[in-house]
Protein backbone atom coordinates (compact mmCIF):
# COMPACT_ATOMS: atom_id res chain seq x y z
CA MET A 1 90.39 116.72 164.83
CA PRO A 2 93.41 119.10 164.49
CA THR A 3 93.29 121.63 161.66
CA GLU A 4 96.59 120.29 160.38
CA PHE A 5 94.96 116.91 159.68
CA TRP A 6 92.29 118.43 157.46
CA GLU A 7 94.88 120.50 155.60
CA TYR A 8 96.89 117.35 155.01
CA MET A 9 93.84 115.56 153.58
CA MET A 10 92.95 118.38 151.17
CA THR A 11 93.82 118.21 147.47
CA SER A 12 96.28 120.98 146.66
CA ILE A 13 95.88 122.74 143.31
CA LEU A 14 98.20 124.80 141.11
CA LEU A 15 96.48 127.16 138.62
CA ALA A 16 98.40 128.14 135.50
CA ASP A 17 96.69 130.66 133.20
CA GLU A 18 97.97 133.95 131.80
CA ASN A 19 94.70 135.74 132.62
CA HIS A 20 94.48 136.97 136.20
CA LEU A 21 90.69 137.20 136.12
CA VAL A 22 90.42 133.60 134.90
CA ARG A 23 92.67 132.42 137.71
CA LYS A 24 90.63 134.40 140.23
CA GLY A 25 87.39 132.83 138.99
CA LEU A 26 88.82 129.32 138.99
CA LYS A 27 90.16 129.81 142.50
CA SER A 28 86.72 130.85 143.74
CA ILE A 29 85.11 127.79 142.17
CA ILE A 30 87.72 125.36 143.49
CA GLU A 31 87.85 126.68 147.03
CA ALA A 32 84.05 126.66 147.24
CA GLY A 33 84.19 122.89 146.75
CA PRO A 34 85.03 120.59 149.67
CA GLY A 35 88.49 119.18 150.12
CA MET A 36 90.39 121.43 147.67
CA HIS A 37 92.77 124.33 148.13
CA VAL A 38 94.67 126.47 145.61
CA VAL A 39 98.26 126.59 146.83
CA ALA A 40 99.84 128.48 143.93
CA GLU A 41 99.09 130.48 140.78
CA ALA A 42 101.20 130.86 137.65
CA TRP A 43 100.89 133.05 134.55
CA ASP A 44 103.08 131.04 132.16
CA GLY A 45 104.82 127.69 131.87
CA HIS A 46 108.05 128.77 133.51
CA SER A 47 106.30 130.13 136.58
CA ALA A 48 104.12 127.00 136.74
CA VAL A 49 107.17 124.74 136.97
CA ALA A 50 108.82 127.02 139.52
CA GLN A 51 105.69 127.16 141.68
CA ALA A 52 105.23 123.38 141.47
CA ARG A 53 108.78 122.83 142.73
CA GLN A 54 108.05 125.01 145.75
CA THR A 55 104.49 123.98 146.64
CA LEU A 56 104.28 120.33 145.47
CA PRO A 57 100.63 120.47 144.32
CA ASP A 58 98.58 117.32 143.89
CA VAL A 59 96.95 118.61 140.68
CA ALA A 60 98.01 121.28 138.19
CA LEU A 61 95.35 122.97 136.05
CA ILE A 62 97.20 124.15 132.96
CA ASP A 63 96.00 126.29 130.05
CA ILE A 64 97.57 125.45 126.68
CA VAL A 65 97.93 129.00 125.36
CA MET A 66 100.37 130.89 127.58
CA PRO A 67 103.28 133.22 126.79
CA GLY A 68 106.82 131.89 126.75
CA MET A 69 106.59 128.22 127.69
CA ASP A 70 103.12 127.04 126.66
CA GLY A 71 100.97 124.59 128.58
CA LEU A 72 102.07 121.52 126.63
CA GLN A 73 105.77 122.10 127.27
CA ALA A 74 104.96 123.00 130.87
CA THR A 75 103.16 119.66 131.20
CA ARG A 76 106.27 117.82 130.03
CA GLU A 77 108.46 119.76 132.45
CA LEU A 78 106.08 119.26 135.38
CA LEU A 79 106.03 115.51 134.80
CA ARG A 80 109.84 115.45 135.03
CA LEU A 81 109.78 116.81 138.59
CA ALA A 82 110.77 114.55 141.47
CA ARG A 83 107.18 114.79 142.75
CA PRO A 84 105.09 115.52 139.65
CA PRO A 85 101.50 116.69 139.99
CA ARG A 86 98.61 115.15 138.12
CA ILE A 87 97.94 117.33 135.08
CA LEU A 88 94.51 118.56 133.99
CA VAL A 89 94.61 120.71 130.85
CA LEU A 90 91.89 123.37 131.11
CA THR A 91 91.55 125.44 127.96
CA ARG A 92 89.23 127.16 125.50
CA VAL A 93 90.74 125.40 122.46
CA GLY A 94 89.28 121.95 121.86
CA GLY A 95 90.66 121.08 118.43
CA ALA A 96 91.92 117.54 117.86
CA GLU A 97 95.49 118.77 117.47
CA TYR A 98 95.38 120.30 120.95
CA VAL A 99 93.91 117.14 122.45
CA ASP A 100 96.59 115.08 120.70
CA GLY A 101 99.26 117.45 121.97
CA ALA A 102 98.02 117.22 125.55
CA ILE A 103 97.85 113.42 125.43
CA HIS A 104 101.33 113.12 123.94
CA ALA A 105 102.67 115.51 126.57
CA GLY A 106 101.35 113.14 129.26
CA ALA A 107 98.35 115.10 130.59
CA HIS A 108 95.89 113.10 132.65
CA GLY A 109 92.85 115.04 131.49
CA PHE A 110 91.56 117.58 128.99
CA VAL A 111 88.63 119.86 129.90
CA LEU A 112 87.15 122.96 128.27
CA LYS A 113 86.78 126.19 130.23
CA ASP A 114 83.06 126.42 129.55
CA SER A 115 82.42 123.38 131.77
CA GLU A 116 79.92 123.87 134.57
CA PRO A 117 81.59 124.51 137.96
CA GLU A 118 80.41 121.20 139.45
CA GLU A 119 81.63 119.34 136.36
CA LEU A 120 85.03 120.97 136.72
CA LEU A 121 85.26 119.98 140.39
CA THR A 122 84.33 116.40 139.46
CA HIS A 123 87.05 116.32 136.80
CA ILE A 124 89.62 117.60 139.29
CA ARG A 125 88.61 114.99 141.86
CA ARG A 126 88.82 112.19 139.30
CA VAL A 127 92.27 113.26 138.11
CA ALA A 128 93.47 113.61 141.71
CA ASP A 129 92.20 110.06 142.37
CA GLY A 130 94.28 108.67 139.52
CA ALA A 131 91.72 108.59 136.69
CA SER A 132 92.05 110.12 133.23
CA VAL A 133 89.29 112.42 131.98
CA LEU A 134 88.26 113.81 128.61
CA ASP A 135 85.65 116.54 128.21
CA PRO A 136 82.51 115.12 126.55
CA ALA A 137 82.45 118.18 124.28
CA VAL A 138 85.62 117.01 122.48
CA THR A 139 84.90 113.27 122.55
CA ALA A 140 82.67 113.32 119.46
CA GLY A 141 85.40 114.97 117.43
CA LEU A 142 87.92 112.37 118.50
CA PHE A 143 85.56 109.52 117.65
CA ASP A 144 85.10 110.99 114.19
CA ARG A 145 88.81 111.46 113.70
CA TYR A 146 89.91 108.04 114.88
CA THR A 147 87.05 105.92 113.59
CA ARG A 148 86.30 107.33 110.14
CA PRO A 149 87.23 104.97 107.26
CA GLU A 150 90.66 105.48 105.75
CA PRO A 151 91.21 103.65 102.45
CA GLN A 152 94.97 104.08 102.75
CA PRO A 153 95.86 103.72 106.44
CA GLY A 154 99.15 105.30 107.39
CA PRO A 155 102.06 103.51 109.03
CA VAL A 156 100.88 104.44 112.53
CA ASP A 157 97.53 102.74 111.87
CA ALA A 158 99.21 99.69 110.38
CA ALA A 159 101.56 99.38 113.33
CA ALA A 160 98.71 99.78 115.82
CA ARG A 161 96.62 97.16 114.05
CA ALA A 162 99.53 94.74 114.01
CA ALA A 163 100.31 95.27 117.69
CA VAL A 164 96.69 94.96 118.84
CA SER A 165 96.04 91.91 116.64
CA GLU A 166 98.69 90.02 118.61
CA LEU A 167 96.71 90.44 121.84
CA PRO A 168 94.34 87.74 123.12
CA GLU A 169 90.74 88.17 122.01
CA ARG A 170 89.58 89.13 125.51
CA GLU A 171 92.14 91.92 125.74
CA GLN A 172 91.03 93.22 122.35
CA GLU A 173 87.44 93.18 123.60
CA MET A 174 88.50 95.18 126.65
CA LEU A 175 90.25 97.76 124.47
CA GLN A 176 87.16 98.05 122.28
CA LEU A 177 84.99 98.78 125.31
CA LEU A 178 87.55 101.33 126.47
CA CYS A 179 87.26 103.02 123.05
CA TYR A 180 83.61 103.64 123.70
CA GLY A 181 84.25 105.35 127.01
CA HIS A 182 83.08 102.59 129.35
CA SER A 183 84.24 102.81 132.95
CA ASN A 184 86.08 99.97 134.67
CA ALA A 185 82.83 98.96 136.36
CA ALA A 186 80.94 98.88 133.04
CA ILE A 187 83.70 96.86 131.36
CA ALA A 188 83.67 94.47 134.30
CA ARG A 189 79.91 93.91 133.96
CA ARG A 190 80.11 93.28 130.22
CA MET A 191 83.07 90.90 130.53
CA ASP A 192 81.98 89.18 133.76
CA LEU A 193 85.06 90.35 135.65
CA THR A 194 85.70 92.32 138.81
CA ALA A 195 86.50 96.03 138.54
CA ALA A 196 89.86 95.30 140.18
CA ALA A 197 90.65 92.73 137.49
CA VAL A 198 89.80 95.23 134.76
CA LYS A 199 91.95 97.91 136.38
CA GLY A 200 94.86 95.49 136.64
CA GLN A 201 94.53 94.34 133.02
CA LEU A 202 94.32 97.90 131.72
CA SER A 203 97.43 98.78 133.73
CA ARG A 204 99.25 95.85 132.11
CA LEU A 205 98.09 96.98 128.68
CA MET A 206 99.36 100.51 129.37
CA ALA A 207 102.74 99.06 130.31
CA HIS A 208 102.70 96.82 127.22
CA PHE A 209 102.12 99.79 124.90
CA ALA A 210 104.36 102.13 126.95
CA VAL A 211 101.59 104.69 127.62
CA THR A 212 100.69 106.40 130.87
CA ASN A 213 96.90 106.75 130.90
CA ARG A 214 93.57 105.45 129.59
CA VAL A 215 93.20 108.17 126.97
CA GLN A 216 96.49 107.21 125.31
CA LEU A 217 95.52 103.55 125.43
CA ALA A 218 92.16 104.33 123.82
CA ARG A 219 93.95 106.29 121.11
CA ILE A 220 95.99 103.21 120.18
CA ALA A 221 92.79 101.19 120.01
CA TYR A 222 91.20 103.79 117.71
CA HIS A 223 94.16 103.60 115.37
CA ALA A 224 93.91 99.82 115.44
CA GLY A 225 90.34 99.99 114.17
CA LEU A 226 88.52 98.72 117.27
CA ASP A 227 85.54 100.86 116.43
CA GLY A 228 82.59 98.59 115.79
CA GLY A 229 80.18 96.31 117.56
CA ALA A 230 80.14 98.01 120.97
């Protein structure tokens, strides 16, 4: 098989982190894994966008804290490109406000830098394949934030509850299972559906709520109070 074919099949990666040593370490990890190649490196948001325009990466690994244009603004700018990459935020800061910021910016995944190398490669592969990923280390904090009782729910919660309550019962059940982190296959087993049917229904729900990924959809469900009985 010609070399050019294998190069075409590889997942191309853009690394954006202000620390040269971090980028060097990430590059070593990524290129040690099969089917991945780092095509560009950037040290801030502006250089990340410029490099993405030139190299057209499949996936961009973006740190949040960078000089000048930070990773969240860079994510927004990258997603406006004619051929936007999939975005995986890779950072040391795992606070809920940073996760919220990444989700609102349109990132397809949020992973902490202390992940094991093989876990990181798995996250990259999943994002490249069209999935959304959230580091297990920050999931517990999100569950606590979005499922704790609130005697006086704010307008966002009220609006989410109203919107979700209008859905058919089966769609609400699907959203509840999504809240608890079930995969499409697991949801399909519980609801006696095919995985393809679940994927299609979740895509329709994303369009209905005008969101772009599973994490954003789960966030709406959290606000709506779909937090019990799963």
